[in-house]
C-alpha atoms as a PDB file:
ATOM      1  CA  MET A   1     -38.190 -46.450 -33.213  1.00  0.00           C
ATOM      2  CA  ALA A   2     -37.684 -43.814 -30.350  1.00  0.00           C
ATOM      3  CA  ARG A   3     -35.093 -46.059 -28.847  1.00  0.00           C
ATOM      4  CA  TRP A   4     -33.135 -45.991 -31.739  1.00  0.00           C
ATOM      5  CA  ILE A   5     -33.258 -42.626 -32.659  1.00  0.00           C
ATOM      6  CA  ARG A   6     -32.167 -41.769 -28.943  1.00  0.00           C
ATOM      7  CA  PHE A   7     -28.990 -44.632 -29.396  1.00  0.00           C
ATOM      8  CA  VAL A   8     -27.781 -42.901 -32.325  1.00  0.00           C
ATOM      9  CA  LEU A   9     -27.950 -39.654 -30.988  1.00  0.00           C
ATOM     10  CA  VAL A  10     -26.421 -40.666 -28.120  1.00  0.00           C
ATOM     11  CA  ILE A  11     -23.230 -42.033 -29.660  1.00  0.00           C
ATOM     12  CA  LEU A  12     -22.868 -38.775 -32.545  1.00  0.00           C
ATOM     13  CA  VAL A  13     -22.811 -36.191 -29.242  1.00  0.00           C
ATOM     14  CA  GLY A  14     -20.274 -38.624 -27.437  1.00  0.00           C
ATOM     15  CA  VAL A  15     -18.620 -38.586 -30.971  1.00  0.00           C
ATOM     16  CA  ALA A  16     -18.592 -35.111 -31.519  1.00  0.00           C
ATOM     17  CA  ALA A  17     -17.483 -34.351 -27.812  1.00  0.00           C
ATOM     18  CA  GLY A  18     -14.327 -37.086 -28.005  1.00  0.00           C
ATOM     19  CA  LEU A  19     -13.401 -35.278 -30.915  1.00  0.00           C
ATOM     20  CA  PHE A  20     -13.739 -31.487 -29.511  1.00  0.00           C
ATOM     21  CA  TYR A  21     -11.451 -32.775 -26.169  1.00  0.00           C
ATOM     22  CA  GLY A  22      -8.864 -34.507 -28.638  1.00  0.00           C
ATOM     23  CA  TRP A  23      -8.578 -31.483 -30.966  1.00  0.00           C
ATOM     24  CA  VAL A  24      -9.553 -28.450 -29.351  1.00  0.00           C
ATOM     25  CA  ILE A  25      -9.271 -28.715 -25.304  1.00  0.00           C
ATOM     26  CA  ASN A  26      -5.905 -31.078 -25.208  1.00  0.00           C
ATOM     27  CA  PRO A  27      -4.645 -31.487 -28.351  1.00  0.00           C
ATOM     28  CA  VAL A  28      -1.419 -33.476 -28.499  1.00  0.00           C
ATOM     29  CA  ASN A  29       1.925 -31.079 -28.344  1.00  0.00           C
ATOM     30  CA  TYR A  30       4.776 -32.854 -30.111  1.00  0.00           C
ATOM     31  CA  VAL A  31       7.783 -31.122 -28.444  1.00  0.00           C
ATOM     32  CA  ASP A  32      11.202 -31.590 -30.217  1.00  0.00           C
ATOM     33  CA  THR A  33      10.631 -34.615 -31.921  1.00  0.00           C
ATOM     34  CA  THR A  34      13.603 -35.754 -33.867  1.00  0.00           C
ATOM     35  CA  PRO A  35      13.680 -39.176 -35.976  1.00  0.00           C
ATOM     36  CA  ASP A  36      16.115 -40.606 -33.706  1.00  0.00           C
ATOM     37  CA  SER A  37      13.224 -41.404 -31.400  1.00  0.00           C
ATOM     38  CA  LEU A  38      11.104 -43.641 -33.650  1.00  0.00           C
ATOM     39  CA  ARG A  39      11.328 -47.705 -33.423  1.00  0.00           C
ATOM     40  CA  ILE A  40      13.712 -49.307 -35.133  1.00  0.00           C
ATOM     41  CA  ASP A  41      10.905 -50.571 -37.229  1.00  0.00           C
ATOM     42  CA  TYR A  42      10.442 -47.079 -38.630  1.00  0.00           C
ATOM     43  CA  GLN A  43      14.175 -46.270 -38.127  1.00  0.00           C
ATOM     44  CA  SER A  44      14.467 -49.301 -40.879  1.00  0.00           C
ATOM     45  CA  ASP A  45      12.227 -48.165 -43.003  1.00  0.00           C
ATOM     46  CA  TYR A  46      13.846 -44.856 -43.582  1.00  0.00           C
ATOM     47  CA  VAL A  47      17.169 -46.592 -43.616  1.00  0.00           C
ATOM     48  CA  LEU A  48      15.825 -47.979 -46.795  1.00  0.00           C
ATOM     49  CA  MET A  49      14.117 -44.898 -48.370  1.00  0.00           C
ATOM     50  CA  VAL A  50      17.724 -43.479 -48.441  1.00  0.00           C
ATOM     51  CA  ALA A  51      18.858 -46.491 -49.512  1.00  0.00           C
ATOM     52  CA  GLU A  52      16.546 -46.358 -52.478  1.00  0.00           C
ATOM     53  CA  SER A  53      17.300 -42.842 -52.469  1.00  0.00           C
ATOM     54  CA  TYR A  54      21.277 -43.608 -53.334  1.00  0.00           C
ATOM     55  CA  GLY A  55      20.781 -45.524 -55.295  1.00  0.00           C
ATOM     56  CA  ALA A  56      19.108 -43.263 -57.698  1.00  0.00           C
ATOM     57  CA  GLU A  57      21.314 -40.441 -56.944  1.00  0.00           C
ATOM     58  CA  GLY A  58      24.494 -41.586 -56.016  1.00  0.00           C
ATOM     59  CA  ASP A  59      25.320 -39.010 -53.666  1.00  0.00           C
ATOM     60  CA  LEU A  60      26.509 -40.830 -50.728  1.00  0.00           C
ATOM     61  CA  ALA A  61      27.574 -37.394 -49.048  1.00  0.00           C
ATOM     62  CA  MET A  62      24.107 -36.821 -48.803  1.00  0.00           C
ATOM     63  CA  SER A  63      22.994 -40.158 -47.716  1.00  0.00           C
ATOM     64  CA  VAL A  64      25.417 -39.357 -44.951  1.00  0.00           C
ATOM     65  CA  ARG A  65      23.505 -36.118 -44.111  1.00  0.00           C
ATOM     66  CA  ARG A  66      20.481 -38.236 -44.023  1.00  0.00           C
ATOM     67  CA  LEU A  67      21.260 -40.929 -41.580  1.00  0.00           C
ATOM     68  CA  ALA A  68      22.593 -38.398 -39.375  1.00  0.00           C
ATOM     69  CA  LEU A  69      19.013 -37.741 -38.126  1.00  0.00           C
ATOM     70  CA  LEU A  70      18.274 -40.577 -36.628  1.00  0.00           C
ATOM     71  CA  GLY A  71      20.971 -39.669 -33.860  1.00  0.00           C
ATOM     72  CA  THR A  72      24.535 -40.059 -33.154  1.00  0.00           C
ATOM     73  CA  THR A  73      25.256 -43.332 -34.413  1.00  0.00           C
ATOM     74  CA  ALA A  74      27.662 -43.512 -36.933  1.00  0.00           C
ATOM     75  CA  PRO A  75      25.802 -43.854 -40.109  1.00  0.00           C
ATOM     76  CA  VAL A  76      27.626 -47.421 -41.694  1.00  0.00           C
ATOM     77  CA  ASP A  77      26.285 -48.795 -37.600  1.00  0.00           C
ATOM     78  CA  THR A  78      22.800 -47.590 -37.970  1.00  0.00           C
ATOM     79  CA  VAL A  79      22.381 -49.173 -41.925  1.00  0.00           C
ATOM     80  CA  GLN A  80      23.884 -52.154 -40.135  1.00  0.00           C
ATOM     81  CA  GLN A  81      21.354 -52.344 -37.661  1.00  0.00           C
ATOM     82  CA  ALA A  82      18.735 -51.877 -39.946  1.00  0.00           C
ATOM     83  CA  ILE A  83      19.775 -54.601 -42.121  1.00  0.00           C
ATOM     84  CA  ILE A  84      20.190 -56.875 -39.394  1.00  0.00           C
ATOM     85  CA  PHE A  85      16.066 -55.888 -38.355  1.00  0.00           C
ATOM     86  CA  ALA A  86      14.840 -56.203 -41.992  1.00  0.00           C
ATOM     87  CA  GLU A  87      16.597 -59.608 -42.470  1.00  0.00           C
ATOM     88  CA  GLY A  88      14.675 -60.652 -39.511  1.00  0.00           C
ATOM     89  CA  GLN A  89      11.335 -59.161 -40.787  1.00  0.00           C
ATOM     90  CA  GLY A  90      11.400 -60.510 -43.904  1.00  0.00           C
ATOM     91  CA  TYR A  91      12.462 -57.630 -45.887  1.00  0.00           C
ATOM     92  CA  THR A  92      12.041 -58.335 -49.559  1.00  0.00           C
ATOM     93  CA  ASP A  93      15.625 -59.309 -51.356  1.00  0.00           C
ATOM     94  CA  ALA A  94      15.973 -56.519 -53.519  1.00  0.00           C
ATOM     95  CA  ASP A  95      15.152 -54.157 -50.337  1.00  0.00           C
ATOM     96  CA  VAL A  96      17.855 -55.598 -47.812  1.00  0.00           C
ATOM     97  CA  VAL A  97      20.582 -55.600 -51.121  1.00  0.00           C
ATOM     98  CA  LEU A  98      19.730 -51.409 -51.325  1.00  0.00           C
ATOM     99  CA  MET A  99      20.897 -51.571 -47.920  1.00  0.00           C
ATOM    100  CA  GLN A 100      23.509 -53.932 -48.467  1.00  0.00           C
ATOM    101  CA  ALA A 101      24.645 -51.379 -51.154  1.00  0.00           C
ATOM    102  CA  LEU A 102      24.754 -48.678 -48.863  1.00  0.00           C
ATOM    103  CA  TYR A 103      26.466 -50.321 -46.197  1.00  0.00           C
ATOM    104  CA  LEU A 104      29.466 -51.487 -48.460  1.00  0.00           C
ATOM    105  CA  ASP A 105      30.007 -47.853 -49.791  1.00  0.00           C
ATOM    106  CA  LEU A 106      29.818 -46.303 -46.367  1.00  0.00           C
ATOM    107  CA  GLN A 107      32.107 -48.494 -45.031  1.00  0.00           C
ATOM    108  CA  SER A 108      34.625 -47.297 -47.684  1.00  0.00           C
ATOM    109  CA  TRP A 109      33.663 -43.384 -47.765  1.00  0.00           C
ATOM    110  CA  ASN A 110      35.900 -40.987 -46.197  1.00  0.00           C
ATOM    111  CA  PRO A 111      34.814 -37.568 -45.732  1.00  0.00           C
ATOM    112  CA  SER A 112      37.967 -35.897 -46.231  1.00  0.00           C
ATOM    113  CA  LEU A 113      38.536 -37.026 -49.777  1.00  0.00           C
ATOM    114  CA  GLU A 114      35.556 -35.493 -50.516  1.00  0.00           C
ATOM    115  CA  ILE A 115      35.646 -32.768 -53.159  1.00  0.00           C
ATOM    116  CA  PRO A 116      33.839 -29.498 -52.087  1.00  0.00           C
ATOM    117  CA  ALA A 117      31.350 -28.045 -55.056  1.00  0.00           C
ATOM    118  CA  PRO A 118      32.615 -24.695 -56.486  1.00  0.00           C
END
């Protein structure tokens, strides 16, 4: 029985030491991390979230600002890449349709025609 108690104590001490090292002594420092550093699957999920909010709000200029966080690529190209990825990864048809609606509206969007709010 003492053997099991010693085993459990050693495991607990190891876990505690590992947590202390990871959280206090050498924690992870994220510096200047931006959404454009995300992998393509997370970027596609982000584009889907933007498409869902666009479907609810109907504000294309806001969607463009949200998509601009994903880097210097044109928003229409970002959405196109996300659609290609989504179709290849088996996203639901409803999700792909939302992204395609955003893509089609972005193709005909002209920012110079936007009327600024007073």
